[in-house]
Protein backbone atom coordinates (compact mmCIF):
# COMPACT_ATOMS: atom_id res chain seq x y z
CA MET A 1 89.65 73.00 130.27
CA TYR A 2 90.48 73.42 126.60
CA ASN A 3 93.45 71.30 125.61
CA GLY A 4 95.02 73.34 122.81
CA PHE A 5 97.88 70.97 122.08
CA LEU A 6 95.73 67.83 121.98
CA LYS A 7 93.43 69.46 119.48
CA THR A 8 96.45 70.56 117.46
CA VAL A 9 97.83 67.01 117.29
CA LEU A 10 94.49 65.54 116.21
CA PHE A 11 94.01 68.24 113.58
CA SER A 12 97.54 67.69 112.24
CA LEU A 13 96.99 63.95 111.96
CA PHE A 14 93.73 64.57 110.10
CA LEU A 15 95.47 66.88 107.64
CA ALA A 16 98.30 64.40 107.12
CA ILE A 17 95.82 61.58 106.35
CA LEU A 18 93.90 63.88 104.01
CA MET A 19 97.07 64.87 102.16
CA THR A 20 98.09 61.21 101.85
CA ALA A 21 94.69 60.38 100.36
CA CYS A 22 95.13 63.20 97.86
CA LEU A 23 98.46 61.75 96.85
CA LYS A 24 96.88 58.38 96.12
CA ASN A 25 93.93 59.76 94.17
CA LYS A 26 95.58 62.42 91.98
CA GLU A 27 97.45 61.64 88.84
CA GLU A 28 99.84 64.54 89.45
CA PRO A 29 101.84 64.37 92.68
CA VAL A 30 100.96 66.77 95.52
CA ALA A 31 103.98 68.38 97.17
CA ILE A 32 104.74 67.43 100.77
CA PHE A 33 106.63 70.45 102.01
CA SER A 34 109.79 70.24 104.11
CA MET A 35 110.65 72.12 107.27
CA SER A 36 112.85 74.59 105.40
CA ASP A 37 109.89 75.57 103.17
CA TYR A 38 108.24 77.17 106.22
CA VAL A 39 111.14 79.51 107.02
CA GLY A 40 110.37 83.13 106.23
CA GLN A 41 108.01 85.99 106.97
CA TRP A 42 104.28 85.72 106.31
CA LYS A 43 101.44 88.22 106.55
CA GLY A 44 97.67 87.97 106.66
CA ILE A 45 94.49 89.54 108.07
CA PHE A 46 92.31 87.54 110.49
CA PRO A 47 89.14 88.27 112.49
CA TYR A 48 90.21 88.85 116.07
CA ASN A 49 89.15 90.46 119.36
CA ALA A 50 92.04 91.94 121.29
CA VAL A 51 92.07 91.57 125.08
CA ASP A 52 92.36 95.34 125.58
CA ASP A 53 89.94 96.25 122.75
CA PRO A 54 86.99 93.83 122.42
CA SER A 55 85.64 95.88 119.51
CA ALA A 56 88.68 95.15 117.33
CA SER A 57 87.62 93.04 114.35
CA GLU A 58 90.83 92.50 112.36
CA LEU A 59 94.18 91.06 113.30
CA HIS A 60 97.15 91.97 111.12
CA MET A 61 99.49 89.07 111.75
CA SER A 62 103.12 88.48 110.89
CA LEU A 63 104.32 84.90 111.26
CA THR A 64 108.06 84.36 111.20
CA THR A 65 109.53 80.87 111.43
CA TYR A 66 113.10 79.81 112.03
CA ALA A 67 114.62 76.36 111.48
CA GLY A 68 117.32 75.55 113.99
CA ASN A 69 118.40 72.36 115.73
CA SER A 70 116.07 70.47 113.36
CA ILE A 71 112.96 72.12 114.79
CA LEU A 72 110.77 75.04 113.81
CA THR A 73 110.07 77.91 116.11
CA GLY A 74 108.59 81.31 115.46
CA PHE A 75 106.34 84.09 116.58
CA ILE A 76 103.12 85.85 115.65
CA ASN A 77 102.64 89.61 116.04
CA THR A 78 99.21 90.45 117.48
CA PRO A 79 97.62 93.58 119.01
CA ASP A 80 98.16 91.83 122.36
CA GLY A 81 101.91 91.45 121.74
CA ILE A 82 104.21 88.78 120.35
CA LEU A 83 103.19 85.13 120.71
CA ILE A 84 106.04 82.58 120.69
CA LEU A 85 105.38 79.29 118.89
CA ASP A 86 107.07 76.22 120.35
CA ASN A 87 107.43 73.30 117.94
CA LYS A 88 105.71 70.12 119.12
CA MET A 89 105.49 68.13 115.92
CA PHE A 90 106.44 68.27 112.24
CA PHE A 91 104.56 65.45 110.54
CA GLY A 92 103.33 65.01 107.00
CA GLY A 93 104.59 68.48 106.08
CA ILE A 94 102.53 70.15 108.84
CA PHE A 95 104.02 72.34 111.60
CA SER A 96 102.16 71.85 114.91
CA PHE A 97 102.91 74.10 117.86
CA THR A 98 101.90 75.31 121.28
CA VAL A 99 101.71 79.02 122.00
CA ARG A 100 103.55 80.41 125.04
CA ASN A 101 101.71 82.55 127.54
CA ASN A 102 103.08 86.07 126.95
CA SER A 103 101.41 87.39 130.13
CA PHE A 104 102.41 84.63 132.53
CA ASP A 105 102.61 87.09 135.45
CA ASN A 106 98.99 88.21 134.88
CA PRO A 107 96.53 86.44 137.25
CA ASN A 108 93.90 86.51 134.47
CA CYS A 109 96.15 84.43 132.23
CA GLN A 110 96.82 81.46 134.52
CA SER A 111 94.45 79.18 132.56
CA TRP A 112 96.28 79.78 129.28
CA ASP A 113 96.20 76.72 127.02
CA VAL A 114 96.72 77.55 123.34
CA GLY A 115 97.92 75.47 120.39
CA GLY A 116 97.69 75.40 116.64
CA SER A 117 99.16 74.33 113.33
CA ALA A 118 100.49 75.82 110.11
CA TYR A 119 100.28 74.03 106.79
CA LEU A 120 101.58 75.16 103.42
CA LEU A 121 98.92 75.42 100.74
CA HIS A 122 101.51 76.60 98.22
CA ILE A 123 105.16 77.55 98.53
CA ASN A 124 104.00 81.16 99.00
CA ASN A 125 100.75 80.60 100.91
CA ILE A 126 100.28 79.16 104.36
CA GLY A 127 97.20 78.23 106.33
CA LEU A 128 97.30 79.09 110.03
CA SER A 129 94.93 77.86 112.71
CA PHE A 130 95.32 78.26 116.45
CA GLY A 131 93.12 78.66 119.48
CA GLY A 132 92.32 77.65 123.01
CA THR A 133 92.02 79.40 126.34
CA PHE A 134 93.70 82.80 126.27
CA CYS A 135 93.75 85.44 129.04
CA GLY A 136 90.49 85.72 130.91
CA ALA A 137 89.80 81.98 130.45
CA HIS A 138 87.77 82.73 127.31
CA PRO A 139 88.16 80.29 124.39
CA LYS A 140 89.13 81.82 121.06
CA GLU A 141 89.72 80.36 117.61
CA ILE A 142 91.72 82.05 114.85
CA ASP A 143 91.93 80.72 111.29
CA GLY A 144 93.11 82.20 108.03
CA THR A 145 95.62 82.28 105.20
CA MET A 146 98.91 84.15 105.00
CA THR A 147 101.15 85.15 102.10
CA ARG A 148 104.94 84.89 102.09
CA GLU A 149 106.75 88.24 102.20
CA SER A 150 110.31 86.95 102.54
CA ASN A 151 112.28 83.70 102.52
CA LEU A 152 114.39 84.96 105.44
CA PRO A 153 113.50 84.96 109.15
CA ASP A 154 113.03 88.30 110.90
CA THR A 155 116.39 88.95 112.56
CA THR A 156 115.11 92.22 114.07
CA VAL A 157 113.08 90.12 116.53
CA PHE A 158 114.84 86.77 116.75
CA LEU A 159 117.96 86.36 118.89
CA THR A 160 120.79 85.65 116.45
CA MET A 161 123.95 86.45 118.44
CA ALA A 162 124.97 82.84 119.16
CA VAL A 163 127.19 81.67 116.29
CA ALA A 164 130.24 79.40 116.71
CA GLY A 165 133.45 81.40 116.37
CA ARG A 166 131.99 84.76 117.29
CA LYS A 167 134.12 86.63 119.83
CA LEU A 168 133.28 89.67 121.94
CA VAL A 169 135.73 91.65 124.07
CA TYR A 170 134.50 93.65 127.08
CA THR A 171 136.28 96.29 129.15
CA VAL A 172 135.54 95.94 132.87
CA THR A 173 136.20 98.94 135.13
CA ASP A 174 135.84 98.95 138.92
CA SER A 175 135.00 101.78 141.31
CA VAL A 176 138.63 103.02 141.46
CA ASN A 177 138.99 103.04 137.66
CA ILE A 178 141.11 99.89 137.38
CA SER A 179 140.27 98.16 134.10
CA HIS A 180 140.89 94.88 132.35
CA ASP A 181 139.50 93.16 129.25
CA ASN A 182 137.42 89.98 129.22
CA SER A 183 136.60 87.99 126.08
CA ASN A 184 133.68 85.67 125.36
CA GLU A 185 133.97 83.28 122.40
CA TYR A 186 131.06 81.09 121.30
CA GLN A 187 132.39 77.54 120.99
CA LYS A 188 129.55 75.15 120.31
CA ASP A 189 125.81 74.62 120.60
CA LEU A 190 125.80 71.46 122.71
CA ALA A 191 122.08 70.71 122.28
CA ASN A 192 118.72 72.46 122.49
CA GLY A 193 120.19 75.95 122.85
CA LEU A 194 122.87 75.14 125.45
CA TRP A 195 125.98 77.05 124.36
CA ARG A 196 129.54 76.53 125.58
CA ILE A 197 131.43 79.83 125.75
CA LEU A 198 135.17 80.23 126.31
CA VAL A 199 136.09 83.09 128.65
CA GLY A 200 139.45 84.86 128.60
CA ARG A 201 140.99 87.57 130.77
CA GLU A 202 143.93 89.68 129.65
CA ASP A 203 145.66 90.51 132.92
CA ILE A 204 145.91 87.07 134.53
CA PRO A 205 146.58 83.62 133.01
CA TYR A 206 142.96 82.50 133.26
CA TRP A 207 140.75 80.71 130.79
CA GLY A 208 137.43 79.24 131.76
CA THR A 209 134.16 77.97 130.36
CA ILE A 210 130.66 79.20 130.99
CA TYR A 211 127.34 77.95 129.64
CA ARG A 212 124.43 79.98 128.36
CA TYR A 213 120.96 79.05 127.16
CA ILE A 214 120.33 80.83 123.85
CA THR A 215 117.59 80.03 121.32
CA PRO A 216 116.01 82.23 118.64
CA VAL A 217 113.34 83.27 121.16
CA GLU A 218 115.05 83.19 124.59
CA TRP A 219 118.29 84.20 126.34
CA GLY A 220 119.12 82.63 129.69
CA GLU A 221 121.94 81.88 132.08
CA LEU A 222 123.17 78.74 133.78
CA PRO A 223 125.39 78.37 136.85
CA ILE A 224 129.09 78.97 136.12
CA ASN A 225 130.98 75.86 134.90
CA ASP A 226 127.86 73.73 134.98
CA SER A 227 126.52 72.18 131.79
CA THR A 228 123.89 70.14 133.68
CA PRO A 229 122.40 72.80 135.95
CA SER A 230 119.79 72.43 138.65
CA HIS A 231 118.13 75.65 137.50
CA GLN A 232 117.95 77.92 134.48
CA GLN A 233 117.55 81.67 134.72
CA THR A 234 115.64 83.45 131.97
CA ASN A 235 116.97 86.91 131.19
CA TYR A 236 114.82 87.84 128.19
CA ARG A 237 112.24 86.43 125.79
CA ILE A 238 111.18 88.07 122.54
CA ASP A 239 107.58 88.30 123.81
CA ALA A 240 108.66 90.48 126.76
CA ARG A 241 106.87 93.72 127.57
CA VAL A 242 107.94 96.66 129.71
CA GLY A 243 107.45 95.48 133.28
CA THR A 244 107.79 91.75 132.53
CA LYS A 245 109.56 89.96 135.38
CA TYR A 246 111.55 86.71 135.30
CA ILE A 247 112.06 85.25 138.76
CA THR A 248 114.47 82.42 139.58
CA VAL A 249 114.85 80.98 143.09
CA THR A 250 117.89 78.88 143.99
CA THR A 251 118.93 77.33 147.28
CA ALA A 252 121.06 80.40 148.09
CA ASP A 253 119.31 83.41 146.56
CA SER A 254 116.46 84.72 144.46
CA ILE A 255 117.04 86.54 141.17
CA ILE A 256 114.50 89.06 139.86
CA ILE A 257 114.93 90.39 136.32
CA THR A 258 112.64 93.23 135.21
CA ILE A 259 112.35 94.53 131.65
CA GLN A 260 112.58 98.34 131.86
CA SER A 261 112.66 99.33 128.18
CA LEU A 262 112.43 97.56 124.81
CA ALA A 263 114.22 100.15 122.66
CA GLU A 264 117.13 102.24 123.94
CA MET A 265 120.08 103.37 121.83
CA VAL A 266 123.40 102.73 123.60
CA THR A 267 126.86 103.80 122.39
CA VAL A 268 129.97 101.88 123.50
CA PRO A 269 133.46 101.56 121.94
CA ALA A 270 132.19 98.76 119.66
CA GLY A 271 129.44 101.00 118.20
CA THR A 272 125.84 102.09 118.72
CA PHE A 273 123.17 99.46 119.35
CA LYS A 274 119.41 99.32 119.83
CA CYS A 275 118.93 97.56 123.17
CA VAL A 276 116.52 96.08 125.63
CA ARG A 277 117.29 97.46 129.11
CA MET A 278 116.74 95.22 132.12
CA THR A 279 117.54 95.29 135.82
CA LYS A 280 118.69 92.25 137.78
CA GLU A 281 118.35 92.06 141.56
CA TYR A 282 119.93 89.29 143.64
CA ARG A 283 118.43 88.72 147.12
CA ALA A 284 120.29 86.39 149.48
CA ILE A 285 118.20 83.64 151.04
CA THR A 286 120.98 81.99 153.06
CA PRO A 287 124.17 83.43 154.63
CA GLY A 288 126.10 82.18 151.58
CA GLY A 289 123.72 83.83 149.10
CA PHE A 290 124.56 86.86 146.98
CA SER A 291 122.91 90.27 147.14
CA GLY A 292 123.40 92.86 144.43
CA PHE A 293 121.79 95.06 141.78
CA PHE A 294 122.72 95.23 138.09
CA GLU A 295 121.50 97.09 135.01
CA THR A 296 122.09 95.52 131.57
CA TRP A 297 121.59 96.60 127.96
CA PHE A 298 121.10 93.72 125.51
CA ASN A 299 120.98 93.58 121.68
CA ASN A 300 119.22 90.72 119.82
CA ASN A 301 121.95 90.27 117.21
CA THR A 302 125.06 90.92 119.36
CA GLY A 303 124.28 90.01 122.96
CA MET A 304 125.20 91.93 126.09
CA ILE A 305 126.32 95.49 125.25
CA LYS A 306 126.71 97.14 128.65
CA THR A 307 126.29 96.26 132.33
CA LEU A 308 126.45 98.42 135.46
CA GLN A 309 126.69 97.05 139.00
CA TYR A 310 125.37 99.22 141.84
CA ARG A 311 125.97 99.38 145.56
CA ASN A 312 123.96 101.88 147.62
CA ASP A 313 122.89 103.64 144.40
CA SER A 314 126.51 104.14 143.30
CA VAL A 315 128.10 102.40 140.32
CA VAL A 316 130.87 100.05 141.47
CA MET A 317 131.49 98.19 138.19
CA THR A 318 131.06 98.99 134.51
CA GLU A 319 131.34 96.45 131.68
CA VAL A 320 131.07 97.65 128.07
CA LEU A 321 131.56 95.98 124.70
CA LYS A 322 134.95 97.05 123.35
CA GLU A 323 135.08 95.10 120.09
CA LYS A 324 133.70 92.07 118.25
CA ASN A 325 134.84 89.97 115.29
CA PHE A 326 131.59 90.06 113.29
């Protein structure tokens, strides 16, 4: 089987050695670019055959990178959807990555093994090369050059809601119209996207801490009051499609999240937001497990906007964003 990442590492080492040789043999120094030089939005046209349209001959690609936690991550827009790039190495000014499977629930994509590298040719030009086994177990190689369009990452796609000091206040209403306000305040990114969030409640003297997994490309949940969890539940990734399912199985229950829509406008007291709509179903495995059904609207730059809890097709709880401090 094609080992995309191994090839990426070897190619990156070759480029690094080549660039070092250039440094020794040129009178004028050759720039070794830093991680921050990669951040921005890039565009280019590459030869490509889409999975759903084998006759397609051009791929209009948009590479966006984001530097956070001393790593690079990013995505590529393709006719087959968004591809998330996971940083594996930054060496000699070269960004090496693996490419996540954006159709992991497709039986034809179980052999996915894709990797690549990006290397700056100039501060405004980047070379991009990636390939491996895509869906259908067919090898594919993509190479080309891209031009910088912006020095800023694309915040319309990346998840940017997690910032220390940000506070959101939600109004929670039960089935008999009794309401109270809850607040969530981002405290600190502990490491690798693990966020500590302070929770407040207005009507009782309660303050607690919850933990969430939030990176520029993924939003997930961890068990309450547990910063070293036995499992992590993915709620949403930026490469999601309508119908994408994220399934988590614990010792007590199974949790099935299904993406229902990628663009719905939702109005709450805090304003109007463009949202991803998802459903979350809990199925009890043991007598102590939880069963329930929820519907949530989520915004990339703000977070959770609205949640409904159902019982026998009737809404028994509503939670909406009341206000925020940003």
